[in-house]
PDB file of N, CA and C in Angstrom:
ATOM      1  N   UNK A   1     139.957 160.024  20.039  1.00  0.00           N
ATOM      2  CA  UNK A   1     140.621 161.313  20.104  1.00  0.00           C
ATOM      3  C   UNK A   1     140.032 162.219  19.023  1.00  0.00           C
ATOM      4  N   UNK A   2     139.748 163.458  19.381  1.00  0.00           N
ATOM      5  CA  UNK A   2     139.171 164.396  18.422  1.00  0.00           C
ATOM      6  C   UNK A   2     140.264 165.172  17.693  1.00  0.00           C
ATOM      7  N   UNK A   3     139.856 165.779  16.597  1.00  0.00           N
ATOM      8  CA  UNK A   3     140.808 166.573  15.798  1.00  0.00           C
ATOM      9  C   UNK A   3     141.266 167.791  16.584  1.00  0.00           C
ATOM     10  N   UNK A   4     142.525 168.151  16.427  1.00  0.00           N
ATOM     11  CA  UNK A   4     143.092 169.293  17.128  1.00  0.00           C
ATOM     12  C   UNK A   4     142.752 170.602  16.433  1.00  0.00           C
ATOM     13  N   UNK A   5     142.736 170.577  15.102  1.00  0.00           N
ATOM     14  CA  UNK A   5     142.504 171.823  14.368  1.00  0.00           C
ATOM     15  C   UNK A   5     141.034 171.968  13.987  1.00  0.00           C
ATOM     16  N   UNK A   6     140.635 173.188  13.825  1.00  0.00           N
ATOM     17  CA  UNK A   6     139.263 173.514  13.453  1.00  0.00           C
ATOM     18  C   UNK A   6     139.276 174.046  12.025  1.00  0.00           C
ATOM     19  N   UNK A   7     138.128 174.059  11.368  1.00  0.00           N
ATOM     20  CA  UNK A   7     138.093 174.628  10.017  1.00  0.00           C
ATOM     21  C   UNK A   7     138.342 176.134  10.048  1.00  0.00           C
ATOM     22  N   UNK A   8     138.857 176.665   8.954  1.00  0.00           N
ATOM     23  CA  UNK A   8     139.092 178.103   8.865  1.00  0.00           C
ATOM     24  C   UNK A   8     137.755 178.822   8.726  1.00  0.00           C
ATOM     25  N   UNK A   9     137.673 179.999   9.339  1.00  0.00           N
ATOM     26  CA  UNK A   9     136.461 180.805   9.272  1.00  0.00           C
ATOM     27  C   UNK A   9     136.825 182.234   8.881  1.00  0.00           C
ATOM     28  N   UNK A  10     135.916 182.883   8.179  1.00  0.00           N
ATOM     29  CA  UNK A  10     136.100 184.292   7.815  1.00  0.00           C
ATOM     30  C   UNK A  10     135.644 185.137   8.998  1.00  0.00           C
ATOM     31  N   UNK A  11     136.476 186.107   9.389  1.00  0.00           N
ATOM     32  CA  UNK A  11     136.130 187.002  10.490  1.00  0.00           C
ATOM     33  C   UNK A  11     136.232 188.442  10.025  1.00  0.00           C
ATOM     34  N   UNK A  12     135.579 189.336  10.766  1.00  0.00           N
ATOM     35  CA  UNK A  12     135.622 190.760  10.412  1.00  0.00           C
ATOM     36  C   UNK A  12     137.007 191.351  10.610  1.00  0.00           C
ATOM     37  N   UNK A  13     137.803 190.817  11.527  1.00  0.00           N
ATOM     38  CA  UNK A  13     139.120 191.358  11.821  1.00  0.00           C
ATOM     39  C   UNK A  13     140.231 190.858  10.917  1.00  0.00           C
ATOM     40  N   UNK A  14     139.937 189.894  10.053  1.00  0.00           N
ATOM     41  CA  UNK A  14     140.957 189.313   9.192  1.00  0.00           C
ATOM     42  C   UNK A  14     140.508 189.359   7.743  1.00  0.00           C
ATOM     43  N   UNK A  15     141.426 189.663   6.856  1.00  0.00           N
ATOM     44  CA  UNK A  15     141.100 189.723   5.439  1.00  0.00           C
ATOM     45  C   UNK A  15     140.960 188.357   4.801  1.00  0.00           C
ATOM     46  N   UNK A  16     141.576 187.361   5.393  1.00  0.00           N
ATOM     47  CA  UNK A  16     141.502 186.000   4.880  1.00  0.00           C
ATOM     48  C   UNK A  16     140.965 185.087   5.977  1.00  0.00           C
ATOM     49  N   UNK A  17     140.378 183.960   5.607  1.00  0.00           N
ATOM     50  CA  UNK A  17     139.892 183.034   6.634  1.00  0.00           C
ATOM     51  C   UNK A  17     141.033 182.566   7.538  1.00  0.00           C
ATOM     52  N   UNK A  18     140.748 182.438   8.827  1.00  0.00           N
ATOM     53  CA  UNK A  18     141.754 182.015   9.789  1.00  0.00           C
ATOM     54  C   UNK A  18     141.250 180.816  10.588  1.00  0.00           C
ATOM     55  N   UNK A  19     142.179 180.072  11.138  1.00  0.00           N
ATOM     56  CA  UNK A  19     141.851 178.955  12.010  1.00  0.00           C
ATOM     57  C   UNK A  19     142.044 179.440  13.444  1.00  0.00           C
ATOM     58  N   UNK A  20     140.948 179.608  14.166  1.00  0.00           N
ATOM     59  CA  UNK A  20     141.015 180.110  15.531  1.00  0.00           C
ATOM     60  C   UNK A  20     141.540 178.998  16.433  1.00  0.00           C
ATOM     61  N   UNK A  21     142.546 179.331  17.213  1.00  0.00           N
ATOM     62  CA  UNK A  21     143.180 178.351  18.090  1.00  0.00           C
ATOM     63  C   UNK A  21     142.202 177.818  19.129  1.00  0.00           C
ATOM     64  N   UNK A  22     142.421 176.604  19.560  1.00  0.00           N
ATOM     65  CA  UNK A  22     141.624 176.005  20.627  1.00  0.00           C
ATOM     66  C   UNK A  22     142.277 176.280  21.985  1.00  0.00           C
ATOM     67  N   UNK A  23     143.580 176.496  21.986  1.00  0.00           N
ATOM     68  CA  UNK A  23     144.318 176.746  23.222  1.00  0.00           C
ATOM     69  C   UNK A  23     145.143 178.018  23.078  1.00  0.00           C
ATOM     70  N   UNK A  24     145.461 178.640  24.186  1.00  0.00           N
ATOM     71  CA  UNK A  24     146.221 179.886  24.182  1.00  0.00           C
ATOM     72  C   UNK A  24     147.720 179.605  24.058  1.00  0.00           C
ATOM     73  N   UNK A  25     148.419 180.417  23.271  1.00  0.00           N
ATOM     74  CA  UNK A  25     149.873 180.270  23.115  1.00  0.00           C
ATOM     75  C   UNK A  25     150.630 181.232  24.035  1.00  0.00           C
ATOM     76  N   UNK A  26     149.906 182.081  24.774  1.00  0.00           N
ATOM     77  CA  UNK A  26     150.473 183.048  25.714  1.00  0.00           C
ATOM     78  C   UNK A  26     151.379 184.086  25.048  1.00  0.00           C
ATOM     79  N   UNK A  27     151.120 184.367  23.764  1.00  0.00           N
ATOM     80  CA  UNK A  27     151.866 185.400  23.049  1.00  0.00           C
ATOM     81  C   UNK A  27     151.751 186.742  23.756  1.00  0.00           C
ATOM     82  N   UNK A  28     150.571 187.045  24.284  1.00  0.00           N
ATOM     83  CA  UNK A  28     150.323 188.328  24.938  1.00  0.00           C
ATOM     84  C   UNK A  28     151.219 188.530  26.164  1.00  0.00           C
ATOM     85  N   UNK A  29     151.654 187.460  26.792  1.00  0.00           N
ATOM     86  CA  UNK A  29     152.531 187.590  27.952  1.00  0.00           C
ATOM     87  C   UNK A  29     153.971 187.879  27.543  1.00  0.00           C
ATOM     88  N   UNK A  30     154.359 187.474  26.346  1.00  0.00           N
ATOM     89  CA  UNK A  30     155.721 187.702  25.869  1.00  0.00           C
ATOM     90  C   UNK A  30     155.858 189.028  25.120  1.00  0.00           C
ATOM     91  N   UNK A  31     154.738 189.635  24.737  1.00  0.00           N
ATOM     92  CA  UNK A  31     154.755 190.873  23.967  1.00  0.00           C
ATOM     93  C   UNK A  31     155.073 192.079  24.854  1.00  0.00           C
ATOM     94  N   UNK A  32     155.729 193.071  24.268  1.00  0.00           N
ATOM     95  CA  UNK A  32     156.027 194.313  24.978  1.00  0.00           C
ATOM     96  C   UNK A  32     154.830 195.263  24.981  1.00  0.00           C
ATOM     97  N   UNK A  33     153.902 195.052  24.050  1.00  0.00           N
ATOM     98  CA  UNK A  33     152.729 195.912  23.924  1.00  0.00           C
ATOM     99  C   UNK A  33     151.585 195.382  24.787  1.00  0.00           C
ATOM    100  N   UNK A  34     150.875 196.258  25.483  1.00  0.00           N
ATOM    101  CA  UNK A  34     149.705 195.789  26.243  1.00  0.00           C
ATOM    102  C   UNK A  34     148.573 195.394  25.291  1.00  0.00           C
ATOM    103  N   UNK A  35     147.847 194.383  25.650  1.00  0.00           N
ATOM    104  CA  UNK A  35     146.717 193.898  24.844  1.00  0.00           C
ATOM    105  C   UNK A  35     147.131 193.492  23.432  1.00  0.00           C
ATOM    106  N   UNK A  36     148.325 192.943  23.283  1.00  0.00           N
ATOM    107  CA  UNK A  36     148.805 192.463  21.985  1.00  0.00           C
ATOM    108  C   UNK A  36     148.658 190.944  21.970  1.00  0.00           C
ATOM    109  N   UNK A  37     147.664 190.449  21.234  1.00  0.00           N
ATOM    110  CA  UNK A  37     147.380 189.023  21.170  1.00  0.00           C
ATOM    111  C   UNK A  37     147.680 188.501  19.775  1.00  0.00           C
ATOM    112  N   UNK A  38     147.927 187.207  19.651  1.00  0.00           N
ATOM    113  CA  UNK A  38     148.127 186.624  18.323  1.00  0.00           C
ATOM    114  C   UNK A  38     146.800 186.718  17.556  1.00  0.00           C
ATOM    115  N   UNK A  39     146.830 186.794  16.236  1.00  0.00           N
ATOM    116  CA  UNK A  39     145.603 186.988  15.454  1.00  0.00           C
ATOM    117  C   UNK A  39     144.577 185.867  15.612  1.00  0.00           C
ATOM    118  N   UNK A  40     145.006 184.690  15.994  1.00  0.00           N
ATOM    119  CA  UNK A  40     144.091 183.553  16.112  1.00  0.00           C
ATOM    120  C   UNK A  40     143.795 183.202  17.568  1.00  0.00           C
ATOM    121  N   UNK A  41     143.988 184.149  18.459  1.00  0.00           N
ATOM    122  CA  UNK A  41     143.848 183.920  19.894  1.00  0.00           C
ATOM    123  C   UNK A  41     142.417 183.542  20.290  1.00  0.00           C
ATOM    124  N   UNK A  42     142.253 182.490  21.083  1.00  0.00           N
ATOM    125  CA  UNK A  42     140.910 182.129  21.540  1.00  0.00           C
ATOM    126  C   UNK A  42     140.375 183.078  22.613  1.00  0.00           C
ATOM    127  N   UNK A  43     141.235 183.935  23.176  1.00  0.00           N
ATOM    128  CA  UNK A  43     140.803 184.890  24.193  1.00  0.00           C
ATOM    129  C   UNK A  43     140.078 186.088  23.565  1.00  0.00           C
ATOM    130  N   UNK A  44     140.291 186.324  22.259  1.00  0.00           N
ATOM    131  CA  UNK A  44     139.641 187.440  21.567  1.00  0.00           C
ATOM    132  C   UNK A  44     138.241 187.049  21.114  1.00  0.00           C
ATOM    133  N   UNK A  45     137.388 188.044  21.011  1.00  0.00           N
ATOM    134  CA  UNK A  45     136.044 187.828  20.470  1.00  0.00           C
ATOM    135  C   UNK A  45     136.139 187.962  18.951  1.00  0.00           C
ATOM    136  N   UNK A  46     136.071 186.856  18.248  1.00  0.00           N
ATOM    137  CA  UNK A  46     136.138 186.867  16.787  1.00  0.00           C
ATOM    138  C   UNK A  46     134.726 186.935  16.231  1.00  0.00           C
ATOM    139  N   UNK A  47     134.426 188.018  15.517  1.00  0.00           N
ATOM    140  CA  UNK A  47     133.115 188.153  14.893  1.00  0.00           C
ATOM    141  C   UNK A  47     133.170 187.476  13.526  1.00  0.00           C
ATOM    142  N   UNK A  48     132.420 186.395  13.398  1.00  0.00           N
ATOM    143  CA  UNK A  48     132.416 185.670  12.145  1.00  0.00           C
ATOM    144  C   UNK A  48     131.592 186.416  11.104  1.00  0.00           C
ATOM    145  N   UNK A  49     132.038 186.321   9.868  1.00  0.00           N
ATOM    146  CA  UNK A  49     131.338 186.933   8.739  1.00  0.00           C
ATOM    147  C   UNK A  49     130.328 185.907   8.240  1.00  0.00           C
ATOM    148  N   UNK A  50     129.124 186.361   8.016  1.00  0.00           N
ATOM    149  CA  UNK A  50     128.077 185.458   7.514  1.00  0.00           C
ATOM    150  C   UNK A  50     128.441 185.007   6.115  1.00  0.00           C
ATOM    151  N   UNK A  51     128.298 183.705   5.891  1.00  0.00           N
ATOM    152  CA  UNK A  51     128.576 183.160   4.567  1.00  0.00           C
ATOM    153  C   UNK A  51     127.436 183.493   3.632  1.00  0.00           C
ATOM    154  N   UNK A  52     127.784 183.904   2.429  1.00  0.00           N
ATOM    155  CA  UNK A  52     126.750 184.224   1.438  1.00  0.00           C
ATOM    156  C   UNK A  52     126.855 183.223   0.294  1.00  0.00           C
ATOM    157  N   UNK A  53     125.753 182.800  -0.201  1.00  0.00           N
ATOM    158  CA  UNK A  53     125.755 181.881  -1.345  1.00  0.00           C
ATOM    159  C   UNK A  53     125.519 182.679  -2.615  1.00  0.00           C
ATOM    160  N   UNK A  54     126.260 182.327  -3.645  1.00  0.00           N
ATOM    161  CA  UNK A  54     126.165 183.044  -4.921  1.00  0.00           C
ATOM    162  C   UNK A  54     125.569 182.151  -5.958  1.00  0.00           C
TER     163      UNK A  54
END
């Protein structure tokens, strides 16, 4: 059995590293706002920030 969670990644849309979900929680279907997805939604295109070494 493989791990359920993935490592956190830095994205352009989030100020802190987030763990992008592997499965959808269907938050967008329960929301009153159109196109309102949870911040870690796998349906969104998450642009990863390139890691820089210091």
